[in-house]
Amino acid sequence: MENALENDITGHIGMQKYLCTITWRNGQFIMDEPEKIEGQDLGPDPYTTLLASLAACTLSTLRMYIDRKGWDIPEINIALNFHQESNPELTTTITRKITFPVAVEADIKKRLLIIAEKCPVSKLLKSTIIIDTLL
């Protein structure tokens, strides 16, 4: 089976608590945890980057669709958050709110809602995920 990414995402952590360096195809970025759990808040935490991935994918997918349709929607905004409940299994609910600073017709909004659900990261998060961990 072929990997989705050409190169692996790699990570490294040294002795500084929670400070991770992540390497991707064009460079590096750091991730950390908030100070309230003993991180230094020098970069986004893992939950933030997960939601950022969904935000970027949703926005890019909507932009492609809007441009292809020729609609005059110059800007798209998105806000995401999540909460978890144990009842008895862990259930995670991600709230994704998409807004536009200009008026958008109701029928176009309805179509854009459907398109947002079809972004690749949405589909990935809604699918069955198997994490195959090796040492």
N, C-alpha and C. Protein backbone atom coordinates (compact mmCIF):
# COMPACT_ATOMS: atom_id res chain seq x y z
N MET A 1 0.84 -1.17 0.00
CA MET A 1 0.00 0.00 0.00
C MET A 1 0.90 1.25 0.00
N GLU A 2 0.57 2.23 -0.81
CA GLU A 2 1.38 3.43 -0.95
C GLU A 2 1.01 4.47 0.11
N ASN A 3 2.03 5.09 0.70
CA ASN A 3 1.80 6.14 1.70
C ASN A 3 1.20 7.38 1.05
N ALA A 4 0.40 8.12 1.80
CA ALA A 4 -0.21 9.35 1.30
C ALA A 4 0.82 10.47 1.17
N LEU A 5 1.81 10.49 2.05
CA LEU A 5 2.84 11.53 2.01
C LEU A 5 4.10 10.97 1.37
N GLU A 6 4.74 11.78 0.57
CA GLU A 6 5.98 11.37 -0.10
C GLU A 6 7.08 11.06 0.92
N ASN A 7 7.18 11.89 1.95
CA ASN A 7 8.18 11.71 3.01
C ASN A 7 7.46 11.60 4.36
N ASP A 8 8.06 10.82 5.26
CA ASP A 8 7.51 10.72 6.61
C ASP A 8 7.57 12.07 7.32
N ILE A 9 6.63 12.33 8.20
CA ILE A 9 6.72 13.40 9.18
C ILE A 9 7.55 12.81 10.30
N THR A 10 8.59 13.50 10.75
CA THR A 10 9.41 12.97 11.83
C THR A 10 9.38 13.94 13.00
N GLY A 11 9.65 13.41 14.17
CA GLY A 11 9.66 14.22 15.38
C GLY A 11 10.81 13.85 16.28
N HIS A 12 11.17 14.82 17.14
CA HIS A 12 12.27 14.62 18.08
C HIS A 12 11.95 15.40 19.36
N ILE A 13 12.27 14.80 20.50
CA ILE A 13 12.19 15.49 21.79
C ILE A 13 13.47 15.20 22.55
N GLY A 14 14.01 16.23 23.16
CA GLY A 14 15.20 16.08 23.99
C GLY A 14 14.81 16.12 25.45
N MET A 15 15.63 16.78 26.26
CA MET A 15 15.41 16.82 27.71
C MET A 15 14.43 17.92 28.12
N GLN A 16 14.18 18.91 27.27
CA GLN A 16 13.24 19.97 27.65
C GLN A 16 11.82 19.43 27.57
N LYS A 17 11.14 19.46 28.70
CA LYS A 17 9.82 18.86 28.83
C LYS A 17 8.86 19.35 27.75
N TYR A 18 8.31 18.44 26.96
CA TYR A 18 7.24 18.65 25.98
C TYR A 18 7.64 19.39 24.71
N LEU A 19 8.83 19.95 24.62
CA LEU A 19 9.23 20.70 23.42
C LEU A 19 9.67 19.71 22.33
N CYS A 20 8.88 19.64 21.27
CA CYS A 20 9.14 18.70 20.17
C CYS A 20 9.48 19.47 18.91
N THR A 21 10.40 18.92 18.14
CA THR A 21 10.71 19.45 16.81
C THR A 21 10.12 18.49 15.80
N ILE A 22 9.29 19.01 14.92
CA ILE A 22 8.64 18.21 13.89
C ILE A 22 9.25 18.60 12.55
N THR A 23 9.65 17.61 11.79
CA THR A 23 10.23 17.85 10.47
C THR A 23 9.26 17.37 9.41
N TRP A 24 9.02 18.22 8.44
CA TRP A 24 8.15 17.90 7.31
C TRP A 24 8.93 18.14 6.03
N ARG A 25 8.35 17.92 4.86
CA ARG A 25 9.08 17.93 3.60
C ARG A 25 9.86 19.21 3.31
N ASN A 26 9.42 20.36 3.82
CA ASN A 26 10.09 21.63 3.51
C ASN A 26 10.69 22.33 4.72
N GLY A 27 10.74 21.71 5.86
CA GLY A 27 11.32 22.39 7.00
C GLY A 27 10.94 21.78 8.32
N GLN A 28 10.97 22.63 9.35
CA GLN A 28 10.70 22.19 10.71
C GLN A 28 9.78 23.19 11.40
N PHE A 29 9.07 22.71 12.41
CA PHE A 29 8.36 23.59 13.32
C PHE A 29 8.40 22.94 14.70
N ILE A 30 8.12 23.75 15.73
CA ILE A 30 8.13 23.20 17.07
C ILE A 30 6.71 23.10 17.60
N MET A 31 6.55 22.17 18.49
CA MET A 31 5.28 21.99 19.20
C MET A 31 5.61 21.91 20.67
N ASP A 32 4.68 22.35 21.49
CA ASP A 32 4.89 22.40 22.92
C ASP A 32 3.54 22.24 23.60
N GLU A 33 3.54 22.28 24.89
CA GLU A 33 2.31 22.23 25.68
C GLU A 33 2.16 23.55 26.41
N PRO A 34 0.93 23.88 26.82
CA PRO A 34 0.72 25.13 27.57
C PRO A 34 1.45 25.12 28.92
N GLU A 35 1.70 26.31 29.43
CA GLU A 35 2.38 26.44 30.72
C GLU A 35 1.59 25.78 31.84
N LYS A 36 0.25 25.78 31.74
CA LYS A 36 -0.56 25.22 32.83
C LYS A 36 -0.32 23.72 33.05
N ILE A 37 0.30 23.04 32.05
CA ILE A 37 0.65 21.64 32.26
C ILE A 37 2.16 21.44 32.12
N GLU A 38 2.91 22.49 32.49
CA GLU A 38 4.37 22.48 32.59
C GLU A 38 5.12 22.56 31.27
N GLY A 39 4.44 22.92 30.19
CA GLY A 39 5.14 23.24 28.96
C GLY A 39 5.57 24.70 29.01
N GLN A 40 6.18 25.16 27.92
CA GLN A 40 6.57 26.56 27.86
C GLN A 40 5.74 27.34 26.84
N ASP A 41 4.79 26.68 26.20
CA ASP A 41 3.90 27.32 25.22
C ASP A 41 4.67 27.99 24.08
N LEU A 42 5.75 27.33 23.64
CA LEU A 42 6.60 27.88 22.58
C LEU A 42 6.06 27.57 21.18
N GLY A 43 5.10 26.69 21.10
CA GLY A 43 4.49 26.33 19.82
C GLY A 43 3.13 25.73 20.09
N PRO A 44 2.41 25.40 19.03
CA PRO A 44 1.08 24.82 19.22
C PRO A 44 1.18 23.44 19.87
N ASP A 45 0.14 23.07 20.59
CA ASP A 45 0.06 21.75 21.19
C ASP A 45 -0.54 20.77 20.17
N PRO A 46 -0.47 19.48 20.43
CA PRO A 46 -0.99 18.50 19.46
C PRO A 46 -2.46 18.67 19.09
N TYR A 47 -3.31 19.02 20.05
CA TYR A 47 -4.72 19.23 19.73
C TYR A 47 -4.90 20.42 18.78
N THR A 48 -4.15 21.48 19.04
CA THR A 48 -4.23 22.67 18.18
C THR A 48 -3.82 22.34 16.75
N THR A 49 -2.76 21.58 16.59
CA THR A 49 -2.32 21.26 15.22
C THR A 49 -3.30 20.32 14.52
N LEU A 50 -3.94 19.44 15.28
CA LEU A 50 -4.96 18.58 14.68
C LEU A 50 -6.12 19.44 14.15
N LEU A 51 -6.61 20.36 14.98
CA LEU A 51 -7.70 21.23 14.54
C LEU A 51 -7.25 22.18 13.44
N ALA A 52 -5.99 22.62 13.48
CA ALA A 52 -5.47 23.48 12.42
C ALA A 52 -5.46 22.75 11.08
N SER A 53 -5.15 21.47 11.10
CA SER A 53 -5.19 20.66 9.88
C SER A 53 -6.59 20.62 9.29
N LEU A 54 -7.57 20.42 10.15
CA LEU A 54 -8.96 20.40 9.69
C LEU A 54 -9.37 21.78 9.18
N ALA A 55 -8.95 22.83 9.87
CA ALA A 55 -9.28 24.20 9.44
C ALA A 55 -8.70 24.49 8.06
N ALA A 56 -7.42 24.22 7.88
CA ALA A 56 -6.75 24.51 6.61
C ALA A 56 -7.35 23.70 5.46
N CYS A 57 -7.63 22.44 5.71
CA CYS A 57 -8.21 21.59 4.67
C CYS A 57 -9.61 22.07 4.29
N THR A 58 -10.41 22.41 5.29
CA THR A 58 -11.76 22.90 5.03
C THR A 58 -11.72 24.19 4.22
N LEU A 59 -10.88 25.13 4.65
CA LEU A 59 -10.78 26.42 3.95
C LEU A 59 -10.30 26.24 2.51
N SER A 60 -9.28 25.41 2.31
CA SER A 60 -8.76 25.18 0.96
C SER A 60 -9.79 24.50 0.06
N THR A 61 -10.50 23.53 0.61
CA THR A 61 -11.54 22.83 -0.16
C THR A 61 -12.65 23.80 -0.56
N LEU A 62 -13.09 24.61 0.39
CA LEU A 62 -14.13 25.60 0.08
C LEU A 62 -13.65 26.62 -0.94
N ARG A 63 -12.40 27.10 -0.80
CA ARG A 63 -11.87 28.07 -1.76
C ARG A 63 -11.84 27.49 -3.17
N MET A 64 -11.39 26.24 -3.31
CA MET A 64 -11.37 25.60 -4.63
C MET A 64 -12.76 25.54 -5.23
N TYR A 65 -13.74 25.14 -4.43
CA TYR A 65 -15.11 24.99 -4.91
C TYR A 65 -15.71 26.35 -5.27
N ILE A 66 -15.54 27.33 -4.41
CA ILE A 66 -16.06 28.68 -4.67
C ILE A 66 -15.45 29.26 -5.94
N ASP A 67 -14.16 29.10 -6.11
CA ASP A 67 -13.49 29.62 -7.30
C ASP A 67 -13.98 28.91 -8.56
N ARG A 68 -14.14 27.59 -8.47
CA ARG A 68 -14.62 26.82 -9.62
C ARG A 68 -16.03 27.25 -10.03
N LYS A 69 -16.86 27.58 -9.04
CA LYS A 69 -18.22 28.02 -9.33
C LYS A 69 -18.29 29.48 -9.74
N GLY A 70 -17.21 30.24 -9.52
CA GLY A 70 -17.19 31.64 -9.89
C GLY A 70 -18.00 32.53 -8.96
N TRP A 71 -18.21 32.09 -7.73
CA TRP A 71 -18.98 32.88 -6.77
C TRP A 71 -18.11 33.99 -6.19
N ASP A 72 -18.72 35.12 -5.89
CA ASP A 72 -18.00 36.26 -5.34
C ASP A 72 -18.00 36.18 -3.81
N ILE A 73 -17.13 35.33 -3.30
CA ILE A 73 -16.95 35.18 -1.85
C ILE A 73 -15.46 35.35 -1.59
N PRO A 74 -15.03 36.60 -1.29
CA PRO A 74 -13.60 36.89 -1.21
C PRO A 74 -12.90 36.35 0.04
N GLU A 75 -13.67 36.01 1.07
CA GLU A 75 -13.04 35.60 2.33
C GLU A 75 -13.90 34.56 3.03
N ILE A 76 -13.22 33.60 3.65
CA ILE A 76 -13.88 32.55 4.42
C ILE A 76 -13.18 32.50 5.77
N ASN A 77 -13.95 32.44 6.84
CA ASN A 77 -13.37 32.32 8.18
C ASN A 77 -13.87 31.03 8.82
N ILE A 78 -13.05 30.51 9.72
CA ILE A 78 -13.41 29.25 10.38
C ILE A 78 -12.95 29.30 11.84
N ALA A 79 -13.73 28.72 12.71
CA ALA A 79 -13.37 28.57 14.12
C ALA A 79 -13.66 27.13 14.53
N LEU A 80 -12.72 26.50 15.22
CA LEU A 80 -12.88 25.12 15.63
C LEU A 80 -12.55 24.95 17.11
N ASN A 81 -13.20 24.00 17.72
CA ASN A 81 -12.88 23.59 19.07
C ASN A 81 -13.41 22.17 19.24
N PHE A 82 -13.16 21.55 20.37
CA PHE A 82 -13.67 20.20 20.58
C PHE A 82 -13.93 19.97 22.06
N HIS A 83 -14.74 18.97 22.34
CA HIS A 83 -14.91 18.49 23.70
C HIS A 83 -15.05 16.98 23.66
N GLN A 84 -14.79 16.37 24.80
CA GLN A 84 -14.85 14.92 24.89
C GLN A 84 -15.75 14.51 26.04
N GLU A 85 -16.44 13.40 25.85
CA GLU A 85 -17.31 12.82 26.87
C GLU A 85 -17.04 11.32 26.95
N SER A 86 -17.11 10.79 28.13
CA SER A 86 -17.00 9.35 28.34
C SER A 86 -18.36 8.84 28.78
N ASN A 87 -18.99 8.05 27.91
CA ASN A 87 -20.34 7.57 28.25
C ASN A 87 -20.68 6.26 27.56
N PRO A 88 -20.22 5.12 27.85
CA PRO A 88 -19.01 4.76 28.56
C PRO A 88 -17.77 4.85 27.67
N GLU A 89 -17.94 4.91 26.34
CA GLU A 89 -16.78 5.06 25.46
C GLU A 89 -16.47 6.53 25.27
N LEU A 90 -15.23 6.82 24.93
CA LEU A 90 -14.82 8.20 24.68
C LEU A 90 -15.39 8.68 23.36
N THR A 91 -16.12 9.78 23.40
CA THR A 91 -16.67 10.40 22.20
C THR A 91 -16.12 11.82 22.10
N THR A 92 -15.55 12.13 20.96
CA THR A 92 -15.01 13.46 20.72
C THR A 92 -15.91 14.17 19.73
N THR A 93 -16.32 15.39 20.05
CA THR A 93 -17.12 16.22 19.16
C THR A 93 -16.31 17.45 18.79
N ILE A 94 -16.07 17.63 17.50
CA ILE A 94 -15.39 18.81 16.99
C ILE A 94 -16.45 19.76 16.46
N THR A 95 -16.39 21.00 16.93
CA THR A 95 -17.29 22.03 16.43
C THR A 95 -16.53 22.87 15.42
N ARG A 96 -17.08 22.97 14.21
CA ARG A 96 -16.46 23.71 13.12
C ARG A 96 -17.47 24.75 12.65
N LYS A 97 -17.16 26.03 12.87
CA LYS A 97 -18.07 27.10 12.48
C LYS A 97 -17.42 27.90 11.34
N ILE A 98 -18.11 27.93 10.20
CA ILE A 98 -17.63 28.63 9.01
C ILE A 98 -18.46 29.90 8.85
N THR A 99 -17.78 31.02 8.66
CA THR A 99 -18.48 32.28 8.48
C THR A 99 -17.89 33.05 7.30
N PHE A 100 -18.68 33.98 6.80
CA PHE A 100 -18.29 34.82 5.67
C PHE A 100 -18.57 36.28 6.04
N PRO A 101 -17.63 37.20 5.76
CA PRO A 101 -17.87 38.60 6.08
C PRO A 101 -18.83 39.30 5.12
N VAL A 102 -19.20 38.62 4.05
CA VAL A 102 -20.18 39.16 3.10
C VAL A 102 -21.41 38.26 3.12
N ALA A 103 -22.53 38.80 2.67
CA ALA A 103 -23.76 38.01 2.61
C ALA A 103 -23.62 36.90 1.57
N VAL A 104 -24.03 35.71 1.97
CA VAL A 104 -24.00 34.55 1.07
C VAL A 104 -25.41 33.96 1.06
N GLU A 105 -25.92 33.69 -0.14
CA GLU A 105 -27.28 33.16 -0.29
C GLU A 105 -27.43 31.82 0.44
N ALA A 106 -28.61 31.57 0.98
CA ALA A 106 -28.88 30.37 1.77
C ALA A 106 -28.60 29.09 0.99
N ASP A 107 -28.97 29.05 -0.29
CA ASP A 107 -28.74 27.82 -1.07
C ASP A 107 -27.25 27.58 -1.31
N ILE A 108 -26.47 28.65 -1.44
CA ILE A 108 -25.01 28.50 -1.59
C ILE A 108 -24.41 28.03 -0.26
N LYS A 109 -24.86 28.59 0.86
CA LYS A 109 -24.38 28.14 2.17
C LYS A 109 -24.65 26.65 2.37
N LYS A 110 -25.83 26.22 1.97
CA LYS A 110 -26.20 24.81 2.11
C LYS A 110 -25.23 23.93 1.32
N ARG A 111 -24.91 24.34 0.11
CA ARG A 111 -23.97 23.57 -0.73
C ARG A 111 -22.56 23.58 -0.13
N LEU A 112 -22.14 24.74 0.41
CA LEU A 112 -20.81 24.84 1.00
C LEU A 112 -20.69 23.98 2.25
N LEU A 113 -21.76 23.82 2.99
CA LEU A 113 -21.76 22.94 4.15
C LEU A 113 -21.49 21.50 3.73
N ILE A 114 -22.11 21.08 2.64
CA ILE A 114 -21.88 19.73 2.11
C ILE A 114 -20.43 19.57 1.67
N ILE A 115 -19.90 20.59 0.99
CA ILE A 115 -18.51 20.54 0.50
C ILE A 115 -17.53 20.50 1.66
N ALA A 116 -17.80 21.26 2.73
CA ALA A 116 -16.91 21.25 3.90
C ALA A 116 -16.79 19.84 4.48
N GLU A 117 -17.89 19.12 4.49
CA GLU A 117 -17.88 17.75 5.01
C GLU A 117 -17.05 16.81 4.13
N LYS A 118 -16.80 17.21 2.89
CA LYS A 118 -16.06 16.36 1.95
C LYS A 118 -14.57 16.67 1.90
N CYS A 119 -14.10 17.62 2.72
CA CYS A 119 -12.66 17.90 2.68
C CYS A 119 -11.91 16.64 3.13
N PRO A 120 -10.73 16.38 2.56
CA PRO A 120 -10.01 15.15 2.86
C PRO A 120 -9.73 14.90 4.34
N VAL A 121 -9.42 15.94 5.10
CA VAL A 121 -9.15 15.72 6.52
C VAL A 121 -10.43 15.38 7.28
N SER A 122 -11.55 15.97 6.89
CA SER A 122 -12.84 15.58 7.49
C SER A 122 -13.10 14.10 7.26
N LYS A 123 -12.90 13.67 6.03
CA LYS A 123 -13.12 12.27 5.70
C LYS A 123 -12.18 11.36 6.50
N LEU A 124 -10.92 11.78 6.63
CA LEU A 124 -9.96 10.98 7.38
C LEU A 124 -10.38 10.86 8.84
N LEU A 125 -10.78 11.98 9.45
CA LEU A 125 -11.16 11.96 10.87
C LEU A 125 -12.44 11.18 11.12
N LYS A 126 -13.30 11.09 10.13
CA LYS A 126 -14.56 10.35 10.28
C LYS A 126 -14.43 8.87 9.93
N SER A 127 -13.30 8.49 9.37
CA SER A 127 -13.11 7.11 8.97
C SER A 127 -12.60 6.27 10.14
N THR A 128 -12.52 4.98 9.93
CA THR A 128 -11.89 4.11 10.90
C THR A 128 -10.39 4.31 10.79
N ILE A 129 -9.75 4.63 11.88
CA ILE A 129 -8.31 4.90 11.88
C ILE A 129 -7.62 3.79 12.69
N ILE A 130 -6.62 3.21 12.09
CA ILE A 130 -5.80 2.21 12.75
C ILE A 130 -4.42 2.82 12.93
N ILE A 131 -3.92 2.84 14.14
CA ILE A 131 -2.57 3.36 14.40
C ILE A 131 -1.68 2.16 14.64
N ASP A 132 -0.78 1.91 13.72
CA ASP A 132 0.13 0.76 13.78
C ASP A 132 1.46 1.25 14.34
N THR A 133 1.68 1.05 15.62
CA THR A 133 2.87 1.55 16.31
C THR A 133 3.94 0.46 16.38
N LEU A 134 5.16 0.82 15.97
CA LEU A 134 6.28 -0.11 15.97
C LEU A 134 7.40 0.43 16.83
N LEU A 135 8.18 -0.44 17.42
CA LEU A 135 9.41 -0.07 18.15
C LEU A 135 10.59 -0.70 17.48
